[in-house]
């Protein structure tokens, strides 16, 4: 298999992980929204959470034995707090 084909397969897997786990972003935003200043917009939080979810999909290693939703939730919360 060529390197380009492997990258395309990996990209599709990342996209599928992100699409399947979008609700995690909204759950995390709802959880954090009450504990941050009101001037921080919900759309900004969702955007930051999406970045965290995308980074989680990109760096996820299933061989570590951690479920993706658990791993992604931690990365999303970290992105929200940053």
N, C-alpha and C. Protein backbone atom coordinates (compact mmCIF):
# COMPACT_ATOMS: atom_id res chain seq x y z
N UNK A 1 0.84 -1.18 0.00
CA UNK A 1 0.00 0.00 0.00
C UNK A 1 0.89 1.24 0.00
N UNK A 2 0.53 2.22 -0.79
CA UNK A 2 1.33 3.43 -0.87
C UNK A 2 1.09 4.31 0.36
N UNK A 3 2.05 5.18 0.61
CA UNK A 3 1.94 6.09 1.75
C UNK A 3 0.72 6.99 1.61
N UNK A 4 0.45 7.45 0.40
CA UNK A 4 -0.69 8.34 0.17
C UNK A 4 -2.00 7.61 0.48
N UNK A 5 -2.10 6.37 0.09
CA UNK A 5 -3.32 5.59 0.34
C UNK A 5 -3.51 5.35 1.84
N UNK A 6 -2.44 5.04 2.55
CA UNK A 6 -2.52 4.85 4.00
C UNK A 6 -2.97 6.14 4.67
N UNK A 7 -2.44 7.28 4.22
CA UNK A 7 -2.83 8.57 4.80
C UNK A 7 -4.31 8.84 4.55
N UNK A 8 -4.82 8.50 3.36
CA UNK A 8 -6.23 8.69 3.06
C UNK A 8 -7.11 7.82 3.94
N UNK A 9 -6.69 6.58 4.19
CA UNK A 9 -7.44 5.68 5.07
C UNK A 9 -7.43 6.23 6.49
N UNK A 10 -6.26 6.67 6.96
CA UNK A 10 -6.16 7.24 8.29
C UNK A 10 -7.04 8.48 8.43
N UNK A 11 -7.06 9.33 7.41
CA UNK A 11 -7.88 10.55 7.43
C UNK A 11 -9.36 10.20 7.51
N UNK A 12 -9.78 9.17 6.77
CA UNK A 12 -11.19 8.75 6.81
C UNK A 12 -11.55 8.23 8.19
N UNK A 13 -10.64 7.48 8.81
CA UNK A 13 -10.89 6.97 10.16
C UNK A 13 -11.02 8.13 11.16
N UNK A 14 -10.17 9.12 11.03
CA UNK A 14 -10.24 10.31 11.90
C UNK A 14 -11.57 11.02 11.71
N UNK A 15 -11.97 11.20 10.46
CA UNK A 15 -13.24 11.87 10.17
C UNK A 15 -14.42 11.11 10.77
N UNK A 16 -14.39 9.78 10.65
CA UNK A 16 -15.46 8.96 11.21
C UNK A 16 -15.51 9.08 12.73
N UNK A 17 -14.35 9.08 13.38
CA UNK A 17 -14.31 9.23 14.83
C UNK A 17 -14.89 10.57 15.26
N UNK A 18 -14.52 11.63 14.54
CA UNK A 18 -15.02 12.96 14.88
C UNK A 18 -16.53 13.02 14.71
N UNK A 19 -17.03 12.57 13.58
CA UNK A 19 -18.48 12.61 13.33
C UNK A 19 -19.26 11.80 14.36
N UNK A 20 -18.75 10.63 14.68
CA UNK A 20 -19.47 9.76 15.61
C UNK A 20 -19.48 10.29 17.04
N UNK A 21 -18.51 11.14 17.36
CA UNK A 21 -18.38 11.59 18.75
C UNK A 21 -18.62 13.09 18.94
N UNK A 22 -19.27 13.74 17.98
CA UNK A 22 -19.61 15.16 18.12
C UNK A 22 -20.41 15.46 19.39
N UNK A 23 -21.33 14.59 19.81
CA UNK A 23 -22.08 14.90 21.03
C UNK A 23 -21.19 15.09 22.27
N UNK A 24 -20.01 14.48 22.28
CA UNK A 24 -19.10 14.67 23.42
C UNK A 24 -18.74 16.13 23.61
N UNK A 25 -18.60 16.85 22.51
CA UNK A 25 -18.26 18.28 22.59
C UNK A 25 -19.39 19.03 23.28
N UNK A 26 -20.62 18.76 22.88
CA UNK A 26 -21.76 19.47 23.45
C UNK A 26 -21.97 19.12 24.93
N UNK A 27 -21.73 17.87 25.29
CA UNK A 27 -21.82 17.48 26.70
C UNK A 27 -20.77 18.22 27.53
N UNK A 28 -19.55 18.27 27.02
CA UNK A 28 -18.47 18.94 27.75
C UNK A 28 -18.73 20.44 27.86
N UNK A 29 -19.23 21.05 26.80
CA UNK A 29 -19.54 22.49 26.83
C UNK A 29 -20.62 22.76 27.87
N UNK A 30 -21.66 21.93 27.89
CA UNK A 30 -22.73 22.12 28.87
C UNK A 30 -22.20 21.98 30.30
N UNK A 31 -21.27 21.06 30.49
CA UNK A 31 -20.69 20.83 31.81
C UNK A 31 -19.83 22.01 32.27
N UNK A 32 -19.07 22.58 31.36
CA UNK A 32 -18.11 23.63 31.69
C UNK A 32 -18.75 25.03 31.68
N UNK A 33 -19.79 25.21 30.89
CA UNK A 33 -20.38 26.53 30.67
C UNK A 33 -20.78 27.24 31.96
N UNK A 34 -21.23 26.53 32.94
CA UNK A 34 -21.66 27.14 34.19
C UNK A 34 -20.52 27.59 35.09
N UNK A 35 -19.31 27.18 34.79
CA UNK A 35 -18.17 27.48 35.66
C UNK A 35 -17.18 28.47 35.07
N UNK A 36 -17.54 29.08 33.95
CA UNK A 36 -16.64 30.05 33.34
C UNK A 36 -17.33 31.40 33.24
N UNK A 37 -16.57 32.46 33.04
CA UNK A 37 -17.18 33.80 32.94
C UNK A 37 -18.21 33.88 31.82
N UNK A 38 -19.22 34.71 32.03
CA UNK A 38 -20.31 34.84 31.05
C UNK A 38 -19.87 35.45 29.72
N UNK A 39 -18.78 36.21 29.74
CA UNK A 39 -18.34 36.83 28.49
C UNK A 39 -17.75 35.84 27.49
N UNK A 40 -17.49 34.63 27.92
CA UNK A 40 -17.00 33.59 27.01
C UNK A 40 -18.22 32.98 26.32
N UNK A 41 -18.28 33.14 25.01
CA UNK A 41 -19.44 32.68 24.25
C UNK A 41 -19.49 31.17 24.09
N UNK A 42 -20.70 30.67 24.02
CA UNK A 42 -20.90 29.22 23.84
C UNK A 42 -20.29 28.76 22.51
N UNK A 43 -20.42 29.58 21.46
CA UNK A 43 -19.85 29.21 20.16
C UNK A 43 -18.33 29.07 20.25
N UNK A 44 -17.69 29.92 21.04
CA UNK A 44 -16.24 29.82 21.24
C UNK A 44 -15.89 28.52 21.95
N UNK A 45 -16.70 28.15 22.91
CA UNK A 45 -16.46 26.90 23.63
C UNK A 45 -16.62 25.69 22.70
N UNK A 46 -17.67 25.72 21.89
CA UNK A 46 -17.89 24.61 20.96
C UNK A 46 -16.72 24.52 19.98
N UNK A 47 -16.26 25.66 19.51
CA UNK A 47 -15.13 25.67 18.59
C UNK A 47 -13.88 25.07 19.23
N UNK A 48 -13.60 25.47 20.45
CA UNK A 48 -12.44 24.92 21.17
C UNK A 48 -12.61 23.42 21.40
N UNK A 49 -13.82 23.01 21.73
CA UNK A 49 -14.09 21.59 21.94
C UNK A 49 -13.90 20.77 20.67
N UNK A 50 -14.29 21.35 19.54
CA UNK A 50 -14.11 20.67 18.26
C UNK A 50 -12.63 20.49 17.94
N UNK A 51 -11.84 21.48 18.27
CA UNK A 51 -10.39 21.37 18.08
C UNK A 51 -9.85 20.22 18.93
N UNK A 52 -10.29 20.16 20.18
CA UNK A 52 -9.86 19.07 21.06
C UNK A 52 -10.27 17.70 20.53
N UNK A 53 -11.49 17.61 19.99
CA UNK A 53 -11.97 16.35 19.42
C UNK A 53 -11.14 15.96 18.20
N UNK A 54 -10.85 16.91 17.34
CA UNK A 54 -10.03 16.63 16.15
C UNK A 54 -8.63 16.19 16.54
N UNK A 55 -8.05 16.84 17.53
CA UNK A 55 -6.72 16.43 17.99
C UNK A 55 -6.75 15.04 18.60
N UNK A 56 -7.82 14.73 19.31
CA UNK A 56 -7.95 13.40 19.90
C UNK A 56 -8.04 12.34 18.81
N UNK A 57 -8.81 12.61 17.76
CA UNK A 57 -8.94 11.65 16.66
C UNK A 57 -7.60 11.45 15.96
N UNK A 58 -6.84 12.53 15.83
CA UNK A 58 -5.55 12.47 15.14
C UNK A 58 -4.52 11.68 15.95
N UNK A 59 -4.57 11.80 17.26
CA UNK A 59 -3.52 11.19 18.09
C UNK A 59 -3.95 9.91 18.80
N UNK A 60 -5.17 9.46 18.55
CA UNK A 60 -5.68 8.27 19.24
C UNK A 60 -4.92 7.02 18.84
N UNK A 61 -4.58 6.21 19.83
CA UNK A 61 -3.90 4.94 19.60
C UNK A 61 -4.72 3.84 20.28
N UNK A 62 -5.49 3.07 19.52
CA UNK A 62 -6.36 2.06 20.13
C UNK A 62 -5.59 0.95 20.85
N UNK A 63 -4.32 0.80 20.55
CA UNK A 63 -3.52 -0.25 21.19
C UNK A 63 -3.20 0.07 22.65
N UNK A 64 -3.50 1.28 23.09
CA UNK A 64 -3.24 1.64 24.49
C UNK A 64 -4.32 1.12 25.43
N UNK A 65 -5.41 0.61 24.86
CA UNK A 65 -6.46 -0.01 25.66
C UNK A 65 -7.44 0.98 26.27
N UNK A 66 -7.48 2.20 25.78
CA UNK A 66 -8.41 3.21 26.28
C UNK A 66 -9.49 3.43 25.23
N UNK A 67 -10.74 3.48 25.65
CA UNK A 67 -11.83 3.74 24.72
C UNK A 67 -11.72 5.15 24.17
N UNK A 68 -12.08 5.32 22.89
CA UNK A 68 -11.93 6.64 22.27
C UNK A 68 -12.76 7.69 22.98
N UNK A 69 -13.99 7.38 23.35
CA UNK A 69 -14.83 8.40 23.97
C UNK A 69 -14.24 8.91 25.27
N UNK A 70 -13.63 8.04 26.02
CA UNK A 70 -12.99 8.46 27.28
C UNK A 70 -11.75 9.33 27.00
N UNK A 71 -10.95 8.91 26.04
CA UNK A 71 -9.76 9.66 25.65
C UNK A 71 -10.15 11.04 25.11
N UNK A 72 -11.14 11.05 24.21
CA UNK A 72 -11.56 12.30 23.59
C UNK A 72 -12.16 13.25 24.62
N UNK A 73 -12.93 12.74 25.56
CA UNK A 73 -13.53 13.60 26.59
C UNK A 73 -12.47 14.36 27.36
N UNK A 74 -11.40 13.68 27.69
CA UNK A 74 -10.30 14.33 28.41
C UNK A 74 -9.66 15.41 27.55
N UNK A 75 -9.42 15.11 26.28
CA UNK A 75 -8.82 16.10 25.38
C UNK A 75 -9.74 17.29 25.13
N UNK A 76 -11.03 17.03 25.03
CA UNK A 76 -12.01 18.10 24.81
C UNK A 76 -12.05 19.02 26.03
N UNK A 77 -12.13 18.46 27.21
CA UNK A 77 -12.15 19.28 28.44
C UNK A 77 -10.87 20.11 28.56
N UNK A 78 -9.76 19.52 28.21
CA UNK A 78 -8.49 20.26 28.24
C UNK A 78 -8.51 21.43 27.28
N UNK A 79 -9.05 21.20 26.09
CA UNK A 79 -9.13 22.29 25.11
C UNK A 79 -10.06 23.41 25.60
N UNK A 80 -11.14 23.03 26.26
CA UNK A 80 -12.07 24.02 26.78
C UNK A 80 -11.44 24.86 27.88
N UNK A 81 -10.66 24.23 28.72
CA UNK A 81 -10.03 24.94 29.83
C UNK A 81 -8.88 25.83 29.37
N UNK A 82 -8.23 25.44 28.29
CA UNK A 82 -7.15 26.28 27.74
C UNK A 82 -7.74 27.56 27.23
